Amino acid sequence: MSWTAEDVEKAYRTVSQKAAVDKAFRARLLANPHEAISEVAGREVPASFKIKVIENDPAYHMTLVLPEMVSEDLSDEALSKVAGGVGVALIVGVCAGAIDTGGPCPVDVCAGRAGR
């Protein structure tokens, strides 16, 4: 059975929440993302699905994952479709209160807003 966008988003939320509180899981996720995500999701992540896990650096206020480059040759209509799309993005440390207080981002806030 293949993964749907909803399956990916649910796994992302679960993995993010667990990695925020479980040091051993976080280490497994950084070392072997496929194995760690499969463990939490209860199903195998295809080996062909490439995953890059980065750890937020507390020395910075924000970790920003850039979207793919969009060709300058796109029409305005095509560009609006790309810009209006939905995807899972990881932006850590930029949520309500995290910048104001300088403290860590609460898992339930970040995980709930990731990709939104």
Foldseek 3Di string as FASTA:
>chain_A
DDADQVLVLVLLLQLLLCLVPPVVLVVCCQVPVQVSSCVRSVHGDDPPDDDHDDDDDLVDQKDFDDDDDDDPPDDPVVVVVVVPDFHFTQMANDFPPSVVVVDGDDSVTRSVPGRD
